[in-house]
N, C-alpha and C. Protein backbone atom coordinates (compact mmCIF):
# COMPACT_ATOMS: atom_id res chain seq x y z
N MET A 1 14.16 -13.41 -21.68
CA MET A 1 13.26 -12.94 -22.70
C MET A 1 12.09 -12.23 -22.04
N ALA A 2 11.69 -11.09 -22.56
CA ALA A 2 10.61 -10.30 -21.98
C ALA A 2 9.33 -10.51 -22.77
N PHE A 3 8.22 -10.36 -22.08
CA PHE A 3 6.94 -10.34 -22.77
C PHE A 3 5.98 -9.46 -21.98
N ILE A 4 4.99 -8.95 -22.66
CA ILE A 4 3.98 -8.09 -22.04
C ILE A 4 2.67 -8.86 -22.00
N GLY A 5 1.99 -8.81 -20.88
CA GLY A 5 0.72 -9.50 -20.73
C GLY A 5 -0.28 -8.63 -20.01
N GLU A 6 -1.47 -9.15 -19.85
CA GLU A 6 -2.51 -8.45 -19.11
C GLU A 6 -3.10 -9.42 -18.08
N SER A 7 -3.53 -8.85 -16.97
CA SER A 7 -4.06 -9.67 -15.90
C SER A 7 -5.04 -8.85 -15.07
N ARG A 8 -5.87 -9.54 -14.32
CA ARG A 8 -6.75 -8.88 -13.35
C ARG A 8 -6.59 -9.58 -12.03
N ILE A 9 -6.57 -8.79 -10.95
CA ILE A 9 -6.47 -9.37 -9.62
C ILE A 9 -7.75 -10.13 -9.29
N ASP A 10 -8.88 -9.53 -9.58
CA ASP A 10 -10.16 -10.23 -9.48
C ASP A 10 -11.11 -9.66 -10.53
N LYS A 11 -12.27 -10.26 -10.66
CA LYS A 11 -13.17 -9.90 -11.75
C LYS A 11 -13.71 -8.48 -11.67
N ASP A 12 -13.66 -7.86 -10.49
CA ASP A 12 -14.17 -6.50 -10.34
C ASP A 12 -13.11 -5.43 -10.54
N LYS A 13 -11.87 -5.83 -10.69
CA LYS A 13 -10.77 -4.88 -10.89
C LYS A 13 -10.49 -4.71 -12.39
N PRO A 14 -9.96 -3.55 -12.78
CA PRO A 14 -9.61 -3.37 -14.20
C PRO A 14 -8.40 -4.21 -14.58
N TRP A 15 -8.23 -4.40 -15.87
CA TRP A 15 -7.07 -5.13 -16.37
C TRP A 15 -5.82 -4.32 -16.13
N SER A 16 -4.73 -4.97 -15.76
CA SER A 16 -3.44 -4.33 -15.55
C SER A 16 -2.43 -4.91 -16.54
N VAL A 17 -1.62 -4.05 -17.10
CA VAL A 17 -0.57 -4.50 -18.00
C VAL A 17 0.67 -4.78 -17.16
N TYR A 18 1.35 -5.87 -17.45
CA TYR A 18 2.58 -6.18 -16.73
C TYR A 18 3.65 -6.60 -17.73
N LEU A 19 4.88 -6.47 -17.31
CA LEU A 19 6.02 -6.81 -18.13
C LEU A 19 6.86 -7.82 -17.39
N CYS A 20 7.16 -8.93 -18.02
CA CYS A 20 7.99 -9.97 -17.41
C CYS A 20 9.39 -9.88 -18.02
N LEU A 21 10.39 -9.90 -17.16
CA LEU A 21 11.77 -9.74 -17.59
C LEU A 21 12.63 -10.85 -17.03
N SER A 22 13.76 -11.06 -17.68
CA SER A 22 14.76 -11.96 -17.11
C SER A 22 15.58 -11.16 -16.10
N ALA A 23 16.37 -11.83 -15.30
CA ALA A 23 17.19 -11.16 -14.30
C ALA A 23 18.19 -10.21 -14.96
N SER A 24 18.77 -10.61 -16.08
CA SER A 24 19.74 -9.75 -16.75
C SER A 24 19.07 -8.50 -17.31
N GLU A 25 17.83 -8.64 -17.79
CA GLU A 25 17.10 -7.47 -18.27
C GLU A 25 16.77 -6.53 -17.11
N CYS A 26 16.43 -7.09 -15.97
CA CYS A 26 16.18 -6.27 -14.79
C CYS A 26 17.43 -5.49 -14.39
N LYS A 27 18.57 -6.17 -14.43
CA LYS A 27 19.83 -5.50 -14.08
C LYS A 27 20.11 -4.33 -15.01
N SER A 28 19.83 -4.49 -16.29
CA SER A 28 20.12 -3.42 -17.23
C SER A 28 19.09 -2.29 -17.14
N LEU A 29 17.87 -2.60 -16.74
CA LEU A 29 16.83 -1.57 -16.63
C LEU A 29 16.82 -0.87 -15.27
N LEU A 30 17.45 -1.45 -14.28
CA LEU A 30 17.43 -0.88 -12.94
C LEU A 30 17.95 0.56 -12.89
N PRO A 31 19.05 0.91 -13.55
CA PRO A 31 19.49 2.31 -13.52
C PRO A 31 18.47 3.28 -14.11
N VAL A 32 17.74 2.83 -15.11
CA VAL A 32 16.70 3.68 -15.71
C VAL A 32 15.58 3.92 -14.71
N VAL A 33 15.15 2.87 -14.05
CA VAL A 33 14.10 3.00 -13.04
C VAL A 33 14.57 3.90 -11.90
N GLU A 34 15.81 3.75 -11.48
CA GLU A 34 16.34 4.59 -10.40
C GLU A 34 16.38 6.06 -10.81
N LYS A 35 16.73 6.34 -12.06
CA LYS A 35 16.77 7.72 -12.56
C LYS A 35 15.37 8.33 -12.57
N VAL A 36 14.40 7.57 -13.07
CA VAL A 36 13.02 8.05 -13.10
C VAL A 36 12.49 8.22 -11.68
N LEU A 37 12.86 7.32 -10.79
CA LEU A 37 12.45 7.42 -9.39
C LEU A 37 13.01 8.69 -8.75
N ALA A 38 14.25 9.04 -9.05
CA ALA A 38 14.85 10.25 -8.50
C ALA A 38 14.09 11.49 -8.96
N LYS A 39 13.68 11.53 -10.22
CA LYS A 39 12.89 12.65 -10.73
C LYS A 39 11.52 12.69 -10.05
N ALA A 40 10.91 11.52 -9.87
CA ALA A 40 9.61 11.46 -9.21
C ALA A 40 9.71 11.93 -7.76
N GLU A 41 10.81 11.58 -7.12
CA GLU A 41 11.02 12.01 -5.73
C GLU A 41 11.15 13.53 -5.64
N LYS A 42 11.88 14.12 -6.58
CA LYS A 42 12.01 15.58 -6.61
C LYS A 42 10.66 16.25 -6.83
N ARG A 43 9.86 15.70 -7.74
CA ARG A 43 8.53 16.25 -8.01
C ARG A 43 7.65 16.14 -6.76
N TYR A 44 7.72 15.00 -6.10
CA TYR A 44 6.95 14.80 -4.87
C TYR A 44 7.39 15.80 -3.80
N GLU A 45 8.69 15.97 -3.62
CA GLU A 45 9.20 16.90 -2.61
C GLU A 45 8.75 18.33 -2.92
N HIS A 46 8.75 18.70 -4.19
CA HIS A 46 8.31 20.05 -4.57
C HIS A 46 6.86 20.29 -4.14
N PHE A 47 5.99 19.37 -4.50
CA PHE A 47 4.57 19.56 -4.16
C PHE A 47 4.32 19.38 -2.67
N ARG A 48 5.13 18.57 -2.00
CA ARG A 48 4.99 18.45 -0.55
C ARG A 48 5.34 19.77 0.14
N ASP A 49 6.38 20.43 -0.35
CA ASP A 49 6.75 21.73 0.20
C ASP A 49 5.63 22.75 0.01
N VAL A 50 4.99 22.73 -1.15
CA VAL A 50 3.86 23.63 -1.41
C VAL A 50 2.71 23.31 -0.46
N MET A 51 2.45 22.02 -0.29
CA MET A 51 1.36 21.61 0.62
C MET A 51 1.69 22.00 2.05
N ASP A 52 2.93 21.78 2.47
CA ASP A 52 3.32 22.12 3.84
C ASP A 52 3.26 23.62 4.10
N GLY A 53 3.45 24.42 3.04
CA GLY A 53 3.37 25.86 3.18
C GLY A 53 1.95 26.36 3.34
N GLY A 54 0.98 25.50 3.08
CA GLY A 54 -0.42 25.85 3.26
C GLY A 54 -1.00 26.73 2.16
N GLU A 55 -0.27 26.85 1.05
CA GLU A 55 -0.74 27.71 -0.03
C GLU A 55 -1.06 26.94 -1.30
N ALA A 56 -1.33 25.66 -1.19
CA ALA A 56 -1.56 24.83 -2.37
C ALA A 56 -2.96 25.06 -2.92
N THR A 57 -3.03 25.21 -4.23
CA THR A 57 -4.33 25.29 -4.91
C THR A 57 -4.88 23.87 -5.03
N ASN A 58 -6.12 23.75 -5.48
CA ASN A 58 -6.70 22.43 -5.68
C ASN A 58 -5.88 21.63 -6.70
N ARG A 59 -5.43 22.31 -7.75
CA ARG A 59 -4.63 21.64 -8.78
C ARG A 59 -3.31 21.15 -8.20
N GLN A 60 -2.67 21.97 -7.38
CA GLN A 60 -1.40 21.56 -6.76
C GLN A 60 -1.61 20.40 -5.80
N GLN A 61 -2.73 20.37 -5.11
CA GLN A 61 -3.03 19.25 -4.22
C GLN A 61 -3.20 17.97 -5.04
N THR A 62 -3.89 18.08 -6.16
CA THR A 62 -4.07 16.93 -7.04
C THR A 62 -2.73 16.45 -7.56
N LEU A 63 -1.87 17.38 -7.99
CA LEU A 63 -0.55 17.02 -8.48
C LEU A 63 0.30 16.39 -7.39
N PHE A 64 0.15 16.85 -6.15
CA PHE A 64 0.87 16.26 -5.03
C PHE A 64 0.49 14.79 -4.87
N PHE A 65 -0.81 14.50 -4.88
CA PHE A 65 -1.25 13.12 -4.69
C PHE A 65 -0.84 12.24 -5.87
N GLU A 66 -0.85 12.79 -7.09
CA GLU A 66 -0.38 12.03 -8.25
C GLU A 66 1.12 11.76 -8.13
N ALA A 67 1.88 12.77 -7.71
CA ALA A 67 3.33 12.60 -7.54
C ALA A 67 3.63 11.57 -6.47
N GLU A 68 2.85 11.58 -5.40
CA GLU A 68 3.04 10.61 -4.33
C GLU A 68 2.78 9.19 -4.84
N GLU A 69 1.73 9.03 -5.60
CA GLU A 69 1.39 7.71 -6.14
C GLU A 69 2.46 7.24 -7.12
N ASP A 70 2.92 8.14 -7.99
CA ASP A 70 3.98 7.79 -8.94
C ASP A 70 5.25 7.35 -8.20
N ARG A 71 5.64 8.13 -7.20
CA ARG A 71 6.83 7.81 -6.42
C ARG A 71 6.70 6.45 -5.75
N ASP A 72 5.55 6.20 -5.13
CA ASP A 72 5.33 4.93 -4.44
C ASP A 72 5.35 3.75 -5.41
N ASN A 73 4.74 3.92 -6.59
CA ASN A 73 4.73 2.85 -7.59
C ASN A 73 6.13 2.56 -8.11
N LEU A 74 6.90 3.61 -8.36
CA LEU A 74 8.27 3.41 -8.84
C LEU A 74 9.15 2.78 -7.77
N GLU A 75 8.96 3.18 -6.53
CA GLU A 75 9.72 2.59 -5.43
C GLU A 75 9.40 1.10 -5.30
N SER A 76 8.14 0.77 -5.44
CA SER A 76 7.72 -0.63 -5.38
C SER A 76 8.31 -1.42 -6.55
N THR A 77 8.29 -0.84 -7.73
CA THR A 77 8.87 -1.50 -8.90
C THR A 77 10.36 -1.74 -8.70
N LYS A 78 11.06 -0.74 -8.21
CA LYS A 78 12.50 -0.87 -7.95
C LYS A 78 12.76 -1.99 -6.95
N ASN A 79 12.00 -2.01 -5.85
CA ASN A 79 12.19 -3.04 -4.82
C ASN A 79 11.90 -4.44 -5.37
N GLN A 80 10.86 -4.56 -6.18
CA GLN A 80 10.55 -5.86 -6.79
C GLN A 80 11.68 -6.31 -7.71
N MET A 81 12.22 -5.38 -8.47
CA MET A 81 13.32 -5.72 -9.37
C MET A 81 14.54 -6.16 -8.58
N LEU A 82 14.84 -5.45 -7.50
CA LEU A 82 15.99 -5.82 -6.67
C LEU A 82 15.81 -7.20 -6.05
N LYS A 83 14.61 -7.51 -5.58
CA LYS A 83 14.35 -8.84 -5.02
C LYS A 83 14.52 -9.92 -6.09
N TYR A 84 14.02 -9.64 -7.27
CA TYR A 84 14.12 -10.60 -8.37
C TYR A 84 15.58 -10.84 -8.76
N ILE A 85 16.34 -9.75 -8.89
CA ILE A 85 17.76 -9.86 -9.21
C ILE A 85 18.49 -10.64 -8.13
N ASP A 86 18.22 -10.30 -6.87
CA ASP A 86 18.88 -10.98 -5.77
C ASP A 86 18.54 -12.47 -5.74
N TYR A 87 17.29 -12.80 -5.96
CA TYR A 87 16.85 -14.19 -5.93
C TYR A 87 17.55 -15.01 -7.01
N TYR A 88 17.62 -14.47 -8.22
CA TYR A 88 18.19 -15.24 -9.33
C TYR A 88 19.70 -15.11 -9.46
N SER A 89 20.31 -14.24 -8.69
CA SER A 89 21.78 -14.12 -8.78
C SER A 89 22.47 -15.12 -7.86
N HIS A 90 21.73 -15.84 -7.04
CA HIS A 90 22.31 -16.82 -6.12
C HIS A 90 22.24 -18.24 -6.65
N ASP A 91 22.10 -18.37 -7.95
CA ASP A 91 22.04 -19.72 -8.55
C ASP A 91 23.33 -20.44 -8.47
C-alpha cells in the first residue's frame, strides 16, 4: 500500500514530499522510472554537448545544470527502488 507524506531532514531545510511503496508497487513502477531516466539522460547529453562545444548561452548552461540534477535524482530513485526490491524479494 502506498502513501504520500512530508518530512524535513532538519529544521532549517524545506519540507520534502516522499512516496512510500510496497515492493510489488516498486516493481511495477520501475519501468516507468527507467523510461523517464532515459529521456533525462538524453536531455543531459544534449546540453553537455552544447556546453562542451563552448557555445552555450546562459540559458543553456542553466538547462544543463537542471538536466544534470534531474538525471542524478532519477538515477538515485532508480537505485533506491532496486535496493528495496532486492531486499524484500529475498524473504
